[in-house]
Protein backbone atom coordinates (compact mmCIF):
# COMPACT_ATOMS: atom_id res chain seq x y z
CA MET A 1 136.27 60.20 11.11
CA THR A 2 133.31 58.80 12.72
CA ALA A 3 130.66 60.32 14.83
CA PRO A 4 130.69 60.13 18.44
CA VAL A 5 128.83 57.21 19.90
CA MET A 6 126.42 58.34 23.12
CA SER A 7 127.38 56.65 26.16
CA ARG A 8 124.66 54.25 27.73
CA PRO A 9 123.99 56.57 30.62
CA HIS A 10 123.33 59.50 28.37
CA ALA A 11 121.19 57.34 26.04
CA ALA A 12 119.19 55.94 29.10
CA LEU A 13 118.68 59.69 30.20
CA TRP A 14 117.61 61.01 26.79
CA ARG A 15 115.26 57.86 26.63
CA TRP A 16 113.45 58.41 30.06
CA CYS A 17 113.37 62.25 29.34
CA GLY A 18 111.63 61.45 26.02
CA LEU A 19 109.07 59.34 27.57
CA ALA A 20 108.33 61.65 30.46
CA ALA A 21 107.94 64.34 27.91
CA ALA A 22 105.15 62.21 25.77
CA ALA A 23 103.58 61.17 28.72
CA LEU A 24 103.01 64.99 30.07
CA ALA A 25 102.05 65.80 26.16
CA TRP A 26 99.34 63.20 26.45
CA ALA A 27 98.20 64.24 29.67
CA ALA A 28 97.98 68.08 28.66
CA VAL A 29 95.66 67.13 25.66
CA TYR A 30 93.61 64.86 27.44
CA GLN A 31 92.92 67.65 30.07
CA VAL A 32 92.12 70.41 27.40
CA ASN A 33 90.32 67.98 24.98
CA LEU A 34 86.90 69.10 26.10
CA PRO A 35 87.66 72.81 26.49
CA PHE A 36 89.43 73.04 23.31
CA TRP A 37 86.42 71.85 21.13
CA THR A 38 83.79 73.67 23.14
CA TRP A 39 86.07 76.63 22.26
CA LEU A 40 86.33 75.99 18.84
CA LEU A 41 83.08 74.77 17.85
CA GLY A 42 80.86 77.18 20.13
CA ASP A 43 83.28 80.35 19.94
CA VAL A 44 85.12 80.01 16.80
CA VAL A 45 82.66 78.18 14.42
CA GLY A 46 79.81 79.75 16.08
CA VAL A 47 77.70 76.47 16.70
CA ASP A 48 75.23 76.64 19.49
CA LEU A 49 76.33 74.00 21.62
CA HIS A 50 73.05 73.67 23.32
CA SER A 51 71.18 72.78 19.94
CA ARG A 52 70.92 68.90 19.03
CA LEU A 53 73.28 69.69 16.22
CA GLY A 54 75.85 71.31 18.22
CA ASP A 55 75.57 68.71 21.23
CA SER A 56 75.98 65.89 18.60
CA LEU A 57 79.51 67.68 16.84
CA LEU A 58 80.77 68.30 20.70
CA PHE A 59 80.23 64.66 21.29
CA PHE A 60 81.71 63.59 17.86
CA PHE A 61 84.94 65.43 18.12
CA TYR A 62 85.34 65.29 21.84
CA ASP A 63 84.82 61.54 22.15
CA THR A 64 86.99 60.90 19.17
CA THR A 65 89.88 62.61 20.63
CA LYS A 66 89.32 61.06 23.85
CA ILE A 67 89.22 57.63 22.57
CA VAL A 68 92.14 58.00 20.59
CA LEU A 69 94.47 58.81 23.25
CA LEU A 70 93.01 56.08 25.35
CA LEU A 71 93.73 53.75 22.59
CA ALA A 72 97.18 55.09 21.99
CA GLY A 73 97.96 55.45 25.65
CA ILE A 74 96.87 52.14 26.97
CA ILE A 75 98.04 50.10 23.92
CA PHE A 76 101.63 51.60 24.73
CA VAL A 77 101.58 51.06 28.30
CA VAL A 78 100.16 47.57 27.90
CA THR A 79 102.66 46.32 24.95
CA ILE A 80 105.52 47.74 27.45
CA LEU A 81 104.42 45.62 30.15
CA ARG A 82 103.37 42.31 28.24
CA SER A 83 107.36 42.48 26.63
CA PHE A 84 108.13 41.23 30.47
CA MET A 85 106.08 38.16 30.16
CA SER A 86 104.99 35.77 27.24
CA ILE A 87 101.55 34.89 26.46
CA GLU A 88 102.04 31.32 27.79
CA ARG A 89 103.02 32.60 31.21
CA THR A 90 100.42 35.38 31.44
CA ARG A 91 97.65 32.63 30.61
CA ALA A 92 99.02 30.52 33.21
CA LEU A 93 98.68 32.85 35.87
CA LEU A 94 95.29 34.23 35.18
CA GLY A 95 93.65 31.24 33.70
CA GLY A 96 92.36 27.84 34.47
CA ARG A 97 91.33 27.22 38.28
CA ARG A 98 92.16 30.87 38.96
CA GLU A 99 89.52 31.93 36.07
CA GLY A 100 86.49 32.60 38.86
CA ALA A 101 88.77 34.42 40.84
CA GLY A 102 90.12 36.48 37.80
CA ASN A 103 86.75 37.50 36.67
CA ALA A 104 85.79 39.21 40.03
CA ALA A 105 89.25 40.99 40.14
CA ALA A 106 88.66 42.16 36.78
CA ALA A 107 85.19 43.44 37.90
CA VAL A 108 86.57 45.23 40.69
CA LEU A 109 89.47 46.80 38.42
CA GLY A 110 86.51 48.15 36.15
CA VAL A 111 84.87 49.47 39.13
CA VAL A 112 88.12 51.60 39.92
CA THR A 113 88.85 52.29 36.36
CA PRO A 114 85.45 53.96 35.10
CA PHE A 115 85.01 54.38 31.33
CA CYS A 116 81.97 54.79 29.30
CA SER A 117 81.04 51.74 27.09
CA CYS A 118 83.78 52.98 23.87
CA SER A 119 86.23 54.29 26.29
CA ALA A 120 86.88 50.63 27.74
CA VAL A 121 87.27 49.18 24.08
CA PRO A 122 90.98 50.43 24.25
CA ALA A 123 91.84 48.40 27.62
CA PHE A 124 90.07 45.54 26.63
CA ILE A 125 92.12 45.08 23.32
CA GLY A 126 95.06 45.56 25.44
CA PHE A 127 94.28 43.26 27.81
CA VAL A 128 93.39 40.38 25.12
CA ALA A 129 96.53 41.30 23.57
CA ALA A 130 98.55 40.73 26.61
CA GLY A 131 97.15 37.28 27.24
CA VAL A 132 94.81 37.62 29.85
CA PRO A 133 91.94 35.17 29.44
CA LEU A 134 88.94 36.49 26.97
CA GLY A 135 86.34 35.47 29.91
CA VAL A 136 88.36 37.91 32.59
CA THR A 137 88.74 40.68 29.97
CA LEU A 138 85.03 40.59 29.37
CA SER A 139 84.20 41.10 32.99
CA PHE A 140 86.14 44.22 33.11
CA LEU A 141 84.69 45.29 29.71
CA ILE A 142 81.12 45.01 31.39
CA ALA A 143 82.23 46.53 34.82
CA SER A 144 84.08 49.60 33.88
CA PRO A 145 80.97 51.31 32.39
CA LEU A 146 78.55 49.97 34.23
CA VAL A 147 79.45 50.54 37.86
CA ASN A 148 81.38 53.88 38.84
CA GLU A 149 81.45 56.57 41.39
CA VAL A 150 79.24 58.84 39.12
CA ALA A 151 76.32 56.44 39.09
CA VAL A 152 76.81 55.36 42.48
CA VAL A 153 76.54 58.92 43.83
CA MET A 154 73.60 59.99 41.60
CA LEU A 155 71.56 56.85 42.55
CA TYR A 156 72.39 57.31 46.08
CA GLY A 157 71.37 61.13 45.71
CA LEU A 158 67.85 60.16 43.66
CA PHE A 159 67.16 56.82 45.33
CA GLY A 160 69.06 56.37 48.35
CA TRP A 161 71.56 53.92 49.58
CA ARG A 162 69.47 50.67 49.14
CA ILE A 163 69.07 51.68 45.50
CA ALA A 164 72.48 52.38 44.96
CA LEU A 165 73.93 49.45 47.04
CA LEU A 166 71.62 47.19 44.86
CA TYR A 167 73.00 48.04 41.65
CA ILE A 168 76.52 48.03 42.83
CA THR A 169 76.00 44.59 43.75
CA ALA A 170 73.93 43.51 40.53
CA GLY A 171 76.75 45.30 38.67
CA LEU A 172 79.53 43.22 40.08
CA VAL A 173 77.41 39.89 39.77
CA ILE A 174 76.74 40.65 36.14
CA ALA A 175 80.35 41.56 35.28
CA THR A 176 81.79 38.47 37.29
CA SER A 177 79.30 35.89 36.46
CA ALA A 178 78.88 36.62 32.48
CA GLY A 179 82.56 36.93 32.04
CA TYR A 180 82.95 33.35 33.64
CA VAL A 181 80.18 32.22 31.50
CA LEU A 182 81.60 33.42 28.22
CA GLY A 183 84.99 32.17 29.28
CA ARG A 184 83.77 28.82 29.88
CA LEU A 185 82.45 28.89 26.40
CA ARG A 186 86.14 28.81 24.98
CA LEU A 187 85.58 31.90 22.56
CA GLU A 188 88.84 32.65 21.60
CA ARG A 189 88.71 31.39 18.03
CA TRP A 190 86.15 34.25 17.56
CA VAL A 191 88.78 36.78 18.39
CA GLU A 192 90.91 38.36 15.34
CA PRO A 193 94.18 36.74 15.09
CA PHE A 194 96.28 39.93 14.93
CA VAL A 195 95.31 40.91 18.58
CA PHE A 196 97.61 38.18 19.81
CA GLU A 197 100.46 38.90 17.49
CA THR A 198 103.67 40.33 19.56
CA ARG A 199 105.80 41.91 16.72
CA LEU A 200 108.99 44.06 16.71
CA ARG A 201 109.77 45.73 13.49
CA GLY A 202 107.30 43.76 11.51
CA LYS A 203 108.60 40.19 12.53
CA LEU A 204 106.63 37.78 15.06
CA ILE A 205 108.46 37.47 18.27
CA ASP A 206 108.12 35.86 21.83
CA PRO A 207 108.14 38.30 24.43
CA ALA A 208 110.50 38.55 27.21
CA GLN A 209 113.25 36.76 24.91
CA GLY A 210 116.56 39.17 25.77
CA LEU A 211 114.64 42.40 24.61
CA THR A 212 116.16 45.82 25.50
CA TRP A 213 114.16 49.03 26.53
CA ASP A 214 114.63 50.46 23.11
CA ASP A 215 113.21 47.16 21.93
CA ARG A 216 110.18 47.38 24.13
CA ILE A 217 109.41 51.30 23.28
CA GLN A 218 109.68 50.21 19.53
CA MET A 219 107.28 47.63 20.15
CA GLY A 220 104.94 49.93 21.81
CA ARG A 221 104.95 52.24 19.15
CA GLU A 222 104.23 49.95 16.55
CA GLU A 223 101.38 48.12 18.18
CA VAL A 224 99.63 51.90 18.58
CA VAL A 225 100.31 52.43 14.76
CA THR A 226 99.14 48.89 13.87
CA ILE A 227 95.77 48.92 15.92
CA VAL A 228 94.70 52.30 15.49
CA ARG A 229 95.34 51.78 11.50
CA LYS A 230 93.38 48.49 11.86
CA ILE A 231 90.24 50.11 13.82
CA TRP A 232 89.96 53.56 13.16
CA PRO A 233 87.00 53.53 10.20
CA TYR A 234 85.26 51.59 13.05
CA LEU A 235 86.16 53.87 15.66
CA LEU A 236 84.74 57.20 13.61
CA VAL A 237 81.69 55.07 12.63
CA GLY A 238 80.87 53.85 16.10
CA ILE A 239 81.59 57.32 17.54
CA ALA A 240 79.49 59.25 14.82
CA LEU A 241 76.43 56.88 15.54
CA GLY A 242 76.88 57.75 18.86
CA ALA A 243 76.85 61.11 18.35
CA VAL A 244 73.55 60.79 16.18
CA ILE A 245 71.66 59.36 18.83
CA HIS A 246 73.31 61.02 21.64
CA GLY A 247 70.77 63.02 23.77
CA TRP A 248 67.68 61.47 21.82
CA VAL A 249 65.65 59.47 23.79
CA PRO A 250 61.84 59.22 24.03
CA ALA A 251 60.79 59.07 27.71
CA ASP A 252 57.01 59.51 27.13
CA TRP A 253 57.21 56.94 24.57
CA PHE A 254 59.14 54.24 27.28
CA ALA A 255 56.74 54.90 30.04
CA ASP A 256 53.80 53.83 27.96
CA HIS A 257 55.52 50.80 26.54
CA ALA A 258 57.62 49.70 29.04
CA ASN A 259 55.61 48.37 31.86
CA GLY A 260 53.79 45.44 32.53
CA PRO A 261 55.08 41.49 32.19
CA PHE A 262 57.49 42.57 29.07
CA GLY A 263 58.83 45.73 30.34
CA VAL A 264 62.12 44.68 31.10
CA PRO A 265 63.11 43.11 27.80
CA ILE A 266 61.61 45.83 25.87
CA ALA A 267 63.36 48.61 28.35
CA VAL A 268 66.83 46.47 27.52
CA GLY A 269 66.12 45.94 24.17
CA ILE A 270 65.71 49.87 23.25
CA GLY A 271 68.56 50.81 25.67
CA VAL A 272 71.00 48.76 23.93
CA PRO A 273 71.31 50.75 20.71
CA LEU A 274 71.63 53.97 22.88
CA TYR A 275 75.16 55.26 23.81
CA SER A 276 75.57 57.42 27.06
CA ASN A 277 77.38 57.04 30.24
CA ALA A 278 75.85 56.79 33.59
CA ALA A 279 75.83 60.72 34.39
CA GLY A 280 74.28 61.28 30.90
CA VAL A 281 71.47 58.72 31.16
CA MET A 282 70.95 59.85 34.89
CA PRO A 283 68.40 62.58 33.98
CA LEU A 284 66.19 59.80 31.88
CA VAL A 285 66.47 57.21 34.62
CA GLU A 286 65.00 59.89 37.11
CA ALA A 287 62.04 60.87 34.34
CA LEU A 288 61.19 57.70 33.89
CA HIS A 289 60.78 56.61 37.30
CA ASP A 290 58.78 59.88 38.14
CA LYS A 291 56.35 58.65 35.07
CA GLY A 292 55.79 55.38 37.05
CA MET A 293 58.19 52.93 35.64
CA GLN A 294 58.93 49.80 37.84
CA MET A 295 62.46 50.34 39.47
CA GLY A 296 63.80 47.36 38.23
CA THR A 297 62.58 48.20 34.72
CA VAL A 298 64.55 51.58 35.21
CA LEU A 299 67.74 50.24 36.40
CA ALA A 300 67.82 47.57 33.71
CA PHE A 301 67.34 50.21 30.92
CA MET A 302 70.28 52.57 32.57
CA MET A 303 72.43 49.18 32.56
CA SER A 304 71.42 48.31 28.95
CA VAL A 305 72.87 51.94 27.98
CA VAL A 306 75.82 52.16 29.90
CA ALA A 307 77.19 48.45 29.63
CA LEU A 308 76.03 47.58 26.02
CA SER A 309 75.60 50.23 22.97
CA LEU A 310 75.69 49.68 19.11
CA PRO A 311 78.69 51.99 18.67
CA GLU A 312 80.55 50.02 21.27
CA MET A 313 80.07 47.01 19.29
CA ILE A 314 80.98 48.37 16.17
CA LEU A 315 84.33 49.42 17.64
CA LEU A 316 84.86 45.71 18.96
CA ARG A 317 83.87 44.39 15.57
CA ARG A 318 87.14 45.05 14.17
CA VAL A 319 88.52 43.01 16.80
CA LEU A 320 86.09 40.01 17.62
CA LYS A 321 84.53 38.13 15.16
CA PRO A 322 80.34 38.91 14.68
CA ARG A 323 79.49 35.20 16.63
CA LEU A 324 81.47 36.33 19.67
CA ILE A 325 80.01 39.81 19.82
CA ALA A 326 76.32 38.32 19.46
CA THR A 327 77.02 35.76 22.29
CA TYR A 328 78.67 38.62 24.56
CA VAL A 329 75.94 40.85 24.08
CA GLY A 330 73.18 37.86 24.49
CA VAL A 331 74.80 36.78 27.72
CA VAL A 332 74.87 40.34 28.98
CA ALA A 333 71.40 41.45 28.06
CA THR A 334 69.91 38.31 29.51
CA SER A 335 71.55 39.00 32.91
CA ILE A 336 70.40 42.35 32.92
CA VAL A 337 66.92 41.50 31.87
CA ALA A 338 67.26 38.69 34.99
CA ILE A 339 68.36 41.76 37.48
CA GLY A 340 65.53 43.72 36.39
CA TYR A 341 62.90 41.25 36.96
CA LEU A 342 64.34 40.54 40.18
CA PHE A 343 64.48 44.24 41.56
CA ASN A 344 61.11 44.35 40.25
CA VAL A 345 60.25 41.86 42.67
CA ILE A 346 61.96 42.89 45.72
CA LEU A 347 61.62 46.73 45.15
């Protein structure tokens, strides 16, 4: 006697119910992430979360959970979407003559999906894996942490609408132009090959070739497991480094040394290793300005902190080769330095 086979409508219903339950569980965990770690470390373990050690520990556990959730969610969704279109077709739609427009669109997308520099990495991986041109994807990676509503509102509150508008404009120009330049350099050969591979049950396949929904969901699960397994050591090292340097910035030293003709590159050079989002770096921005640092230098420092960070580079290393990372940092940092000098002239 054979077991009854579930009918197609019932199988589809269970499939969609399972996906809905997984999405709700993901959203619930994402929402309770910070309260949970605050309660566990502060109330249960008894760590002083206002101390430097407590702040670093909370940062590490909260950010690790957040980025793993983002990585899993974005990779799963993007894998499902890319299963409907071959890589060649995606590149044909977004590449070539439309690359400049694609860079601008990706920069705008980054503005409306604000992540910190490390949180933007999962989306970057998903877009590259989906066949979106590398330069276009890099425009998103630059804009997402650089320009967001927190930065705009806080800059407006501290310095007025003119500074906020200049910052938005500069951020979009940097993201669009730097991504375009990087795209024209044709650096795809310095992306790790596994990022471009589409696999189902361990075998390379061509998307959009007679896949069922069960196949697509299975592809999403396998892609999440594969990428998380490949990058988790880099993830932990990057976030641990960010936790160590989180909140430690010698404002007095900056004010003394980051002025004069070489103030802008000094500020950018110091800002790159640090790791913070726009809200986290804003108190330091205000303090540096109050200490007499030029506005262009202050904004260049802020841009380098939120758009480039050593933890982000460590995360990117698993999917990008060192030459591409160095080229990316060089182009973006040079753009930020140029904007800093320009702001110092006009402000």
